[in-house]
C-alpha cells in the first residue's frame, strides 16, 4: 500500500501534467436507459484512486480499471507483456489472441485518425495504429489501438469499442505500484467511453472508504434531476477532455471567505483522478486561515508534501470537530463537503494552492466523496447530489 506521502507526490505530478496540457488555454438531459456499475476505493489494489470492473472481449475477461474524467482513452495491459515493463495486476492480463471479437485498428483508418495529434503514436511495422499517452512524471501508456466488445452489465455492451492495448517498450520505466489493469477514460474527447457510447449524461458516486460502495451510471440518473444542485459546464475547444466549472465562493463554518469572485475566473476542472483539490493561491490562503482558526483547539502537525495545514487528531479522526466547508459554484450550486472530503487520514486539510492565480483549479476526488456528480453533456451542466453513497 503506498504511503499518503507517495499518493500526494503522484497527485502533484498529475496536477502539473494537467496544467502542462492546458498551457496557453485557459438543458434537458436526453433520456437513455441507464446502466449502473459499482465503484470502490482501490486501497486493496495499492491505490487510493477509484476503480470499476468491466468485461473485455469474447468471452468477456474481467478487468479492474481506474475511472478517470481527466483521460479520454480507455486502455488495459495486454499479452504479451512481461513484468516489467508491465506491472503486476489483480486480474488475468487481457490476451487479444483469445478474443473472438478482437481486431487491431489499421493505420490511416477513421478510427486511427480519431486519436488526433494528441494521442496518435505512429504506425507499427505491420501498419497498425499505435496510441501514445504521456502522463505526469515518467508515467505513460503506449501500444496498439484496438477494437473489441466491452461489457458493462448483462444488458449493456458496446460492440467495436475502441481502446488501447498496452505494449510498452522494454526500456519503459515502470513506476506504477498499483495493481489495477488500466484506465477507463471518461473525458470529453472523441476516443472516450462517453463519446463512443453517445451517452448524453453520466454520473458517479465516490465512496468515502473501502467499506462503502459507490457507483458509475452511464445515462440519466435514476433519481429526479430536481435533487441535484446544478452549475454550468464549460470545455476548452482545443482540449475537450476536461469538464470545467466555475467556483464563486467558499464558506467555512457558516462564514463566506473574503475572496473576490474574480479570483476563480479561470474555472476549475472536475477530476475523478486527482485526490486533492487545488485553489488559486489567494483563495487557498483565505481557506487555510479560516480552517486553522476553527481548528485551534488541536495541536499542529508537520506538513505533508503540498499539504501545509495538518493537525494531531488524537483518537478516532471521525470524532474530530471539523468546521463545515461548502464550495459554491455558479448559479448558487453548493457542495457542503462530507467530513471525509475535508481532511485526509493523517489530519491534513485536503486542499492545496496551485502555482498562480491565472491557472484553473482542480476539484479533486476527496472533495467529491459521497456526492453523486452528474455530467450532463447534452445540457452542458454539472450536478451535485449529497449523501448518495
Protein backbone atom coordinates (compact mmCIF):
# COMPACT_ATOMS: atom_id res chain seq x y z
CA UNK A 1 0.00 0.00 0.00
CA UNK A 2 1.55 3.35 -0.96
CA UNK A 3 2.02 5.85 1.85
CA UNK A 4 -0.01 9.04 1.93
CA UNK A 5 3.18 10.91 1.01
CA UNK A 6 3.59 8.73 -2.10
CA UNK A 7 -0.01 9.40 -3.10
CA UNK A 8 0.44 13.15 -2.64
CA UNK A 9 3.62 13.17 -4.73
CA UNK A 10 1.82 11.41 -7.58
CA UNK A 11 -1.10 13.79 -7.10
CA UNK A 12 1.17 16.80 -7.56
CA UNK A 13 2.68 15.27 -10.70
CA UNK A 14 -0.79 14.67 -12.15
CA UNK A 15 -1.81 18.26 -11.40
CA UNK A 16 1.33 19.56 -13.12
CA UNK A 17 0.61 17.29 -16.08
CA UNK A 18 -2.90 18.70 -16.47
CA UNK A 19 -1.57 22.25 -16.29
CA UNK A 20 1.04 21.38 -18.90
CA UNK A 21 -1.70 20.24 -21.28
CA UNK A 22 -3.64 23.45 -20.65
CA UNK A 23 -0.67 25.79 -21.02
CA UNK A 24 -1.93 28.67 -23.15
CA UNK A 25 -5.62 27.68 -22.79
CA UNK A 26 -7.33 28.83 -20.25
CA UNK A 27 -30.94 21.96 -20.90
CA UNK A 28 -32.85 18.94 -20.61
CA UNK A 29 -30.98 15.62 -20.47
CA UNK A 30 -31.65 13.13 -23.28
CA UNK A 31 -33.29 10.00 -21.92
CA UNK A 32 -31.34 6.76 -22.30
CA UNK A 33 -31.70 3.56 -20.30
CA UNK A 34 -29.08 3.87 -17.56
CA UNK A 35 -26.59 1.17 -16.69
CA UNK A 36 -25.06 1.18 -13.23
CA UNK A 37 -21.72 -0.32 -12.16
CA UNK A 38 -20.30 -0.42 -8.61
CA UNK A 39 -17.31 1.82 -7.85
CA UNK A 40 -14.90 1.17 -4.97
CA UNK A 41 -11.87 2.82 -3.42
CA UNK A 42 -8.90 0.84 -4.69
CA UNK A 43 -6.88 0.62 -1.48
CA UNK A 44 -6.81 -3.20 -1.71
CA UNK A 45 -5.05 -2.75 -5.06
CA UNK A 46 -2.42 -0.43 -3.59
CA UNK A 47 -4.05 2.75 -4.84
CA UNK A 48 -6.26 5.50 -3.47
CA UNK A 49 -7.95 6.01 -6.84
CA UNK A 50 -11.46 4.74 -7.59
CA UNK A 51 -11.91 1.55 -9.61
CA UNK A 52 -14.59 -0.30 -11.56
CA UNK A 53 -14.74 -3.73 -13.20
CA UNK A 54 -15.63 -4.25 -16.85
CA UNK A 55 -15.62 -7.16 -19.28
CA UNK A 56 -13.45 -7.01 -22.39
CA UNK A 57 -13.50 -9.37 -25.37
CA UNK A 58 -15.42 -12.54 -26.26
CA UNK A 59 -15.61 -14.36 -23.93
CA UNK A 60 -15.50 -11.36 -21.59
CA UNK A 61 -12.38 -11.08 -19.42
CA UNK A 62 -12.83 -9.10 -16.20
CA UNK A 63 -10.61 -6.04 -15.96
CA UNK A 64 -10.35 -3.65 -12.98
CA UNK A 65 -9.60 -0.08 -14.06
CA UNK A 66 -9.45 3.47 -12.68
CA UNK A 67 -12.32 5.75 -13.61
CA UNK A 68 -10.79 8.97 -14.89
CA UNK A 69 -12.63 12.05 -16.13
CA UNK A 70 -9.24 13.59 -16.94
CA UNK A 71 -8.43 10.96 -19.60
CA UNK A 72 -10.04 10.14 -22.94
CA UNK A 73 -8.57 6.77 -23.88
CA UNK A 74 -9.52 3.57 -22.09
CA UNK A 75 -6.58 1.16 -22.00
CA UNK A 76 -5.56 -2.13 -20.41
CA UNK A 77 -2.34 -4.11 -20.26
CA UNK A 78 -2.27 -6.80 -22.95
CA UNK A 79 -0.38 -10.01 -23.53
CA UNK A 80 2.35 -10.49 -24.41
CA UNK A 81 3.81 -8.05 -21.90
CA UNK A 82 6.48 -9.14 -19.42
CA UNK A 83 6.75 -7.61 -15.95
CA UNK A 84 8.44 -5.14 -16.25
CA UNK A 85 7.74 -3.03 -18.30
CA UNK A 86 4.15 -4.02 -17.48
CA UNK A 87 3.22 -4.11 -13.80
CA UNK A 88 1.64 -6.81 -11.70
CA UNK A 89 -2.15 -6.62 -11.80
CA UNK A 90 -5.08 -8.16 -9.95
CA UNK A 91 -6.83 -9.84 -12.88
CA UNK A 92 -5.55 -12.04 -15.71
CA UNK A 93 -3.93 -9.86 -18.34
CA UNK A 94 -6.11 -9.40 -21.42
CA UNK A 95 -4.98 -11.63 -24.30
CA UNK A 96 -6.18 -10.37 -27.71
CA UNK A 97 -5.45 -13.76 -29.28
CA UNK A 98 -8.11 -15.39 -27.09
CA UNK A 99 -10.92 -12.99 -28.00
CA UNK A 100 -13.17 -13.89 -30.95
CA UNK A 101 -14.15 -10.25 -31.47
CA UNK A 102 -10.78 -8.50 -31.19
CA UNK A 103 -9.22 -6.57 -34.04
CA UNK A 104 -6.31 -4.15 -34.25
CA UNK A 105 -7.08 -0.75 -35.78
CA UNK A 106 -5.33 -0.19 -39.15
CA UNK A 107 -3.20 2.89 -39.62
CA UNK A 108 -4.95 5.52 -41.71
CA UNK A 109 -8.43 4.33 -40.75
CA UNK A 110 -11.08 6.72 -39.49
CA UNK A 111 -10.73 5.25 -36.00
CA UNK A 112 -6.99 5.86 -36.05
CA UNK A 113 -7.45 9.42 -37.27
CA UNK A 114 -9.87 9.93 -34.38
CA UNK A 115 -6.92 9.79 -31.99
CA UNK A 116 -5.82 13.19 -33.27
CA UNK A 117 -2.34 14.56 -32.82
CA UNK A 118 -2.56 14.34 -29.02
CA UNK A 119 -2.74 10.53 -28.87
CA UNK A 120 -1.54 9.17 -32.24
CA UNK A 121 1.60 7.14 -31.65
CA UNK A 122 2.57 6.34 -35.24
CA UNK A 123 2.23 3.21 -37.38
CA UNK A 124 3.70 -0.15 -36.50
CA UNK A 125 5.77 -2.26 -38.90
CA UNK A 126 2.53 -4.18 -39.63
CA UNK A 127 0.75 -0.89 -40.47
CA UNK A 128 -1.29 -0.99 -37.28
CA UNK A 129 -2.37 2.16 -35.45
CA UNK A 130 -0.47 2.92 -32.26
CA UNK A 131 -1.63 5.19 -29.46
CA UNK A 132 0.60 7.08 -27.02
CA UNK A 133 -0.38 8.88 -23.83
CA UNK A 134 2.03 10.85 -21.66
CA UNK A 135 1.06 11.40 -18.05
CA UNK A 136 2.84 13.44 -15.41
CA UNK A 137 6.27 12.31 -14.26
CA UNK A 138 7.54 9.21 -16.06
CA UNK A 139 4.11 7.62 -16.50
CA UNK A 140 2.89 6.78 -19.99
CA UNK A 141 0.86 4.24 -21.92
CA UNK A 142 1.68 3.09 -25.44
CA UNK A 143 0.54 0.20 -27.57
CA UNK A 144 -1.85 -0.94 -30.28
CA UNK A 145 -5.10 0.93 -30.76
CA UNK A 146 -7.71 -1.81 -30.79
CA UNK A 147 -11.37 -2.72 -31.11
CA UNK A 148 -13.33 -5.31 -29.13
CA UNK A 149 -16.57 -5.91 -27.27
CA UNK A 150 -16.92 -4.02 -23.97
CA UNK A 151 -19.39 -5.48 -21.47
CA UNK A 152 -20.53 -3.30 -18.57
CA UNK A 153 -23.56 -5.32 -17.46
CA UNK A 154 -25.62 -8.30 -18.68
CA UNK A 155 -27.80 -5.84 -20.60
CA UNK A 156 -25.23 -3.22 -21.66
CA UNK A 157 -22.44 -3.99 -24.10
CA UNK A 158 -20.60 -1.94 -26.70
CA UNK A 159 -19.52 -3.78 -29.85
CA UNK A 160 -16.44 -2.44 -31.59
CA UNK A 161 -15.30 -0.43 -28.56
CA UNK A 162 -12.03 1.38 -29.25
CA UNK A 163 -9.34 1.11 -26.58
CA UNK A 164 -5.61 0.94 -26.06
CA UNK A 165 -3.91 -2.45 -25.80
CA UNK A 166 -0.79 -1.52 -23.86
CA UNK A 167 2.54 -2.93 -25.03
CA UNK A 168 5.17 -0.55 -23.63
CA UNK A 169 8.75 -0.72 -24.92
CA UNK A 170 11.03 -2.85 -22.78
CA UNK A 171 13.07 0.19 -21.75
CA UNK A 172 10.00 1.99 -20.39
CA UNK A 173 10.36 2.59 -16.63
CA UNK A 174 7.63 1.03 -14.51
CA UNK A 175 6.85 3.49 -11.70
CA UNK A 176 3.31 2.22 -11.11
CA UNK A 177 2.96 0.45 -7.77
CA UNK A 178 -0.79 -0.06 -8.17
CA UNK A 179 -2.21 -3.43 -9.25
CA UNK A 180 -5.04 -2.18 -11.43
CA UNK A 181 -5.37 -3.32 -15.04
CA UNK A 182 -5.67 0.07 -16.76
CA UNK A 183 -7.83 3.18 -17.06
CA UNK A 184 -11.42 3.88 -18.11
CA UNK A 185 -11.36 7.22 -19.95
CA UNK A 186 -14.45 9.32 -19.15
CA UNK A 187 -13.19 12.62 -20.58
CA UNK A 188 -14.96 14.71 -23.19
CA UNK A 189 -12.74 13.88 -26.18
CA UNK A 190 -13.54 11.73 -29.22
CA UNK A 191 -11.86 8.48 -28.00
CA UNK A 192 -13.60 8.41 -24.60
CA UNK A 193 -16.17 5.88 -23.44
CA UNK A 194 -18.72 8.67 -23.11
CA UNK A 195 -18.25 9.79 -26.71
CA UNK A 196 -18.22 6.26 -28.12
CA UNK A 197 -21.48 5.30 -26.42
CA UNK A 198 -23.14 8.61 -27.43
CA UNK A 199 -24.44 8.96 -23.89
CA UNK A 200 -25.58 12.49 -23.12
CA UNK A 201 -25.11 12.06 -19.39
CA UNK A 202 -23.18 10.03 -16.85
CA UNK A 203 -22.72 10.23 -13.11
CA UNK A 204 -20.77 8.59 -10.33
CA UNK A 205 -20.60 8.50 -6.56
CA UNK A 206 -17.18 8.01 -4.96
CA UNK A 207 -17.45 6.23 -1.59
CA UNK A 208 -15.64 7.68 1.44
CA UNK A 209 -13.80 4.49 2.40
CA UNK A 210 -13.18 0.88 1.24
CA UNK A 211 -16.06 -0.35 3.41
CA UNK A 212 -18.57 1.59 1.28
CA UNK A 213 -19.57 1.07 -2.35
CA UNK A 214 -20.26 3.79 -4.88
CA UNK A 215 -21.47 3.61 -8.45
CA UNK A 216 -20.99 4.75 -12.04
CA UNK A 217 -24.13 5.39 -14.11
CA UNK A 218 -23.96 5.70 -17.90
CA UNK A 219 -27.11 7.51 -18.95
CA UNK A 220 -29.56 9.59 -16.99
CA UNK A 221 -29.51 9.02 -13.20
CA UNK A 222 -32.43 7.14 -11.74
CA UNK A 223 -33.26 9.90 -9.25
CA UNK A 224 -35.09 13.11 -10.11
CA UNK A 225 -32.96 15.89 -11.56
CA UNK A 226 -34.55 18.24 -9.01
CA UNK A 227 -32.41 16.59 -6.33
CA UNK A 228 -29.21 17.92 -7.89
CA UNK A 229 -27.64 21.34 -7.36
CA UNK A 230 -26.70 22.32 -10.92
CA UNK A 231 -23.99 24.60 -12.31
CA UNK A 232 -22.92 25.32 -15.91
CA UNK A 233 -20.25 23.14 -17.53
CA UNK A 234 -17.57 24.57 -19.82
CA UNK A 235 -14.90 22.98 -22.01
CA UNK A 236 -11.73 24.13 -23.75
CA UNK A 237 -12.19 23.96 -27.51
CA UNK A 238 -8.58 22.83 -28.00
CA UNK A 239 -8.63 20.37 -25.06
CA UNK A 240 -12.15 18.90 -24.87
CA UNK A 241 -11.07 16.24 -22.37
CA UNK A 242 -11.69 18.40 -19.33
CA UNK A 243 -15.02 19.34 -17.72
CA UNK A 244 -14.84 22.87 -16.28
CA UNK A 245 -16.97 24.51 -13.59
CA UNK A 246 -16.66 27.98 -12.04
CA UNK A 247 -16.26 28.29 -8.29
CA UNK A 248 -17.59 31.56 -6.89
CA UNK A 249 -17.22 31.31 -3.13
CA UNK A 250 -16.06 29.15 -0.22
CA UNK A 251 -17.94 29.07 3.09
CA UNK A 252 -16.22 27.87 6.29
CA UNK A 253 -18.25 27.35 9.48
CA UNK A 254 -21.09 29.39 8.02
CA UNK A 255 -18.93 32.37 7.04
CA UNK A 256 -18.15 33.23 3.44
CA UNK A 257 -14.46 33.83 2.83
CA UNK A 258 -13.47 37.34 1.76
CA UNK A 259 -12.24 36.34 -1.69
CA UNK A 260 -13.30 38.24 -4.84
CA UNK A 261 -15.18 36.08 -7.36
CA UNK A 262 -12.67 37.26 -9.98
CA UNK A 263 -10.03 35.06 -8.30
CA UNK A 264 -11.95 32.00 -9.54
CA UNK A 265 -12.49 33.30 -13.09
CA UNK A 266 -10.22 30.66 -14.70
CA UNK A 267 -12.57 27.92 -13.58
CA UNK A 268 -11.85 24.53 -12.05
CA UNK A 269 -11.53 21.07 -13.59
CA UNK A 270 -13.79 18.34 -12.20
CA UNK A 271 -11.35 15.43 -11.93
CA UNK A 272 -12.10 11.96 -10.59
CA UNK A 273 -8.42 11.01 -10.89
CA UNK A 274 -6.79 13.74 -8.76
CA UNK A 275 -7.28 13.31 -5.00
CA UNK A 276 -6.55 16.82 -3.68
CA UNK A 277 -8.44 19.98 -4.66
CA UNK A 278 -6.19 22.86 -5.71
CA UNK A 279 -7.21 26.51 -5.49
CA UNK A 280 -5.78 29.85 -6.65
CA UNK A 281 -3.22 30.97 -4.02
CA UNK A 282 -5.33 33.91 -2.79
CA UNK A 283 -8.35 31.66 -2.22
CA UNK A 284 -6.26 28.96 -0.58
CA UNK A 285 -4.66 31.40 1.86
CA UNK A 286 -8.10 32.58 2.98
CA UNK A 287 -9.35 28.99 3.37
CA UNK A 288 -6.24 27.98 5.30
CA UNK A 289 -6.55 30.90 7.72
CA UNK A 290 -10.23 30.21 8.39
CA UNK A 291 -9.69 26.47 8.84
CA UNK A 292 -6.74 26.96 11.20
CA UNK A 293 -8.83 29.36 13.28
CA UNK A 294 -11.64 26.81 13.61
CA UNK A 295 -9.16 24.03 14.45
CA UNK A 296 -7.14 25.99 17.02
CA UNK A 297 -8.07 23.52 19.80
CA UNK A 298 -5.86 20.85 18.14
CA UNK A 299 -2.04 20.86 18.12
CA UNK A 300 -0.46 21.43 14.74
CA UNK A 301 1.38 18.60 13.00
CA UNK A 302 4.18 18.66 10.44
CA UNK A 303 3.19 19.42 6.83
CA UNK A 304 2.99 16.54 4.37
CA UNK A 305 4.19 17.20 0.83
CA UNK A 306 1.99 20.02 -0.54
CA UNK A 307 -0.44 19.87 2.41
CA UNK A 308 0.68 22.55 4.84
CA UNK A 309 -2.26 22.58 7.28
CA UNK A 310 -2.08 19.44 9.39
CA UNK A 311 -3.20 18.66 12.92
CA UNK A 312 -2.59 15.99 15.53
CA UNK A 313 -6.07 14.50 15.85
CA UNK A 314 -5.65 12.04 18.70
CA UNK A 315 -8.00 9.07 18.69
CA UNK A 316 -10.64 8.43 16.06
CA UNK A 317 -10.46 11.02 13.29
CA UNK A 318 -14.23 10.70 12.89
CA UNK A 319 -14.60 12.28 16.35
CA UNK A 320 -12.65 15.42 15.41
CA UNK A 321 -14.62 18.67 15.47
CA UNK A 322 -14.28 19.83 11.89
CA UNK A 323 -15.84 23.03 10.57
CA UNK A 324 -18.28 22.68 7.70
CA UNK A 325 -16.83 23.66 4.32
CA UNK A 326 -19.08 24.48 1.37
CA UNK A 327 -17.96 25.12 -2.20
CA UNK A 328 -20.37 27.44 -4.01
CA UNK A 329 -20.43 27.36 -7.82
CA UNK A 330 -22.17 29.45 -10.47
CA UNK A 331 -25.96 29.66 -10.10
CA UNK A 332 -25.57 29.01 -6.40
CA UNK A 333 -24.90 25.27 -6.71
CA UNK A 334 -23.46 24.34 -3.32
CA UNK A 335 -21.35 21.35 -2.26
CA UNK A 336 -21.35 21.07 1.53
CA UNK A 337 -18.45 18.66 1.87
CA UNK A 338 -18.72 15.38 3.72
CA UNK A 339 -16.36 15.11 6.71
CA UNK A 340 -14.24 12.66 4.74
CA UNK A 341 -13.99 15.26 1.98
CA UNK A 342 -12.30 17.82 4.23
CA UNK A 343 -9.22 16.08 5.61
CA UNK A 344 -7.08 13.14 4.58
CA UNK A 345 -6.37 10.39 7.06
CA UNK A 346 -3.27 11.99 8.51
CA UNK A 347 -5.25 15.01 9.73
CA UNK A 348 -4.31 17.37 6.89
CA UNK A 349 -6.65 19.80 5.17
CA UNK A 350 -7.25 18.19 1.77
CA UNK A 351 -6.71 21.38 -0.22
CA UNK A 352 -3.56 22.90 -1.70
CA UNK A 353 -2.64 26.02 -3.68
CA UNK A 354 -1.59 25.84 -7.29
CA UNK A 355 1.23 27.90 -8.73
CA UNK A 356 -0.52 31.17 -9.55
CA UNK A 357 -3.86 32.95 -9.72
CA UNK A 358 -4.05 32.67 -13.51
CA UNK A 359 -4.44 28.87 -13.76
CA UNK A 360 -7.63 26.80 -13.40
CA UNK A 361 -8.18 24.95 -10.16
CA UNK A 362 -8.97 21.26 -9.76
CA UNK A 363 -11.88 19.79 -7.80
CA UNK A 364 -10.35 16.52 -6.63
CA UNK A 365 -11.93 13.21 -5.76
CA UNK A 366 -11.52 13.62 -1.99
CA UNK A 367 -13.93 16.57 -2.04
CA UNK A 368 -16.33 14.66 -4.32
CA UNK A 369 -16.75 11.79 -1.85
CA UNK A 370 -20.37 10.77 -1.10
CA UNK A 371 -21.76 13.09 -3.81
CA UNK A 372 -23.41 11.83 -6.95
CA UNK A 373 -21.68 14.02 -9.52
CA UNK A 374 -23.72 14.32 -12.71
CA UNK A 375 -22.12 15.28 -16.03
CA UNK A 376 -24.96 16.43 -18.29
CA UNK A 377 -23.13 16.55 -21.62
CA UNK A 378 -26.20 17.49 -23.64
CA UNK A 379 -27.24 20.26 -21.29
CA UNK A 380 -23.67 21.42 -20.56
CA UNK A 381 -24.14 21.24 -16.81
CA UNK A 382 -22.65 19.53 -13.75
CA UNK A 383 -24.89 18.49 -10.85
CA UNK A 384 -24.19 17.52 -7.24
CA UNK A 385 -26.35 15.30 -5.01
CA UNK A 386 -25.10 14.93 -1.45
CA UNK A 387 -25.18 11.67 0.53
CA UNK A 388 -25.61 9.38 -2.47
CA UNK A 389 -23.18 6.66 -1.30
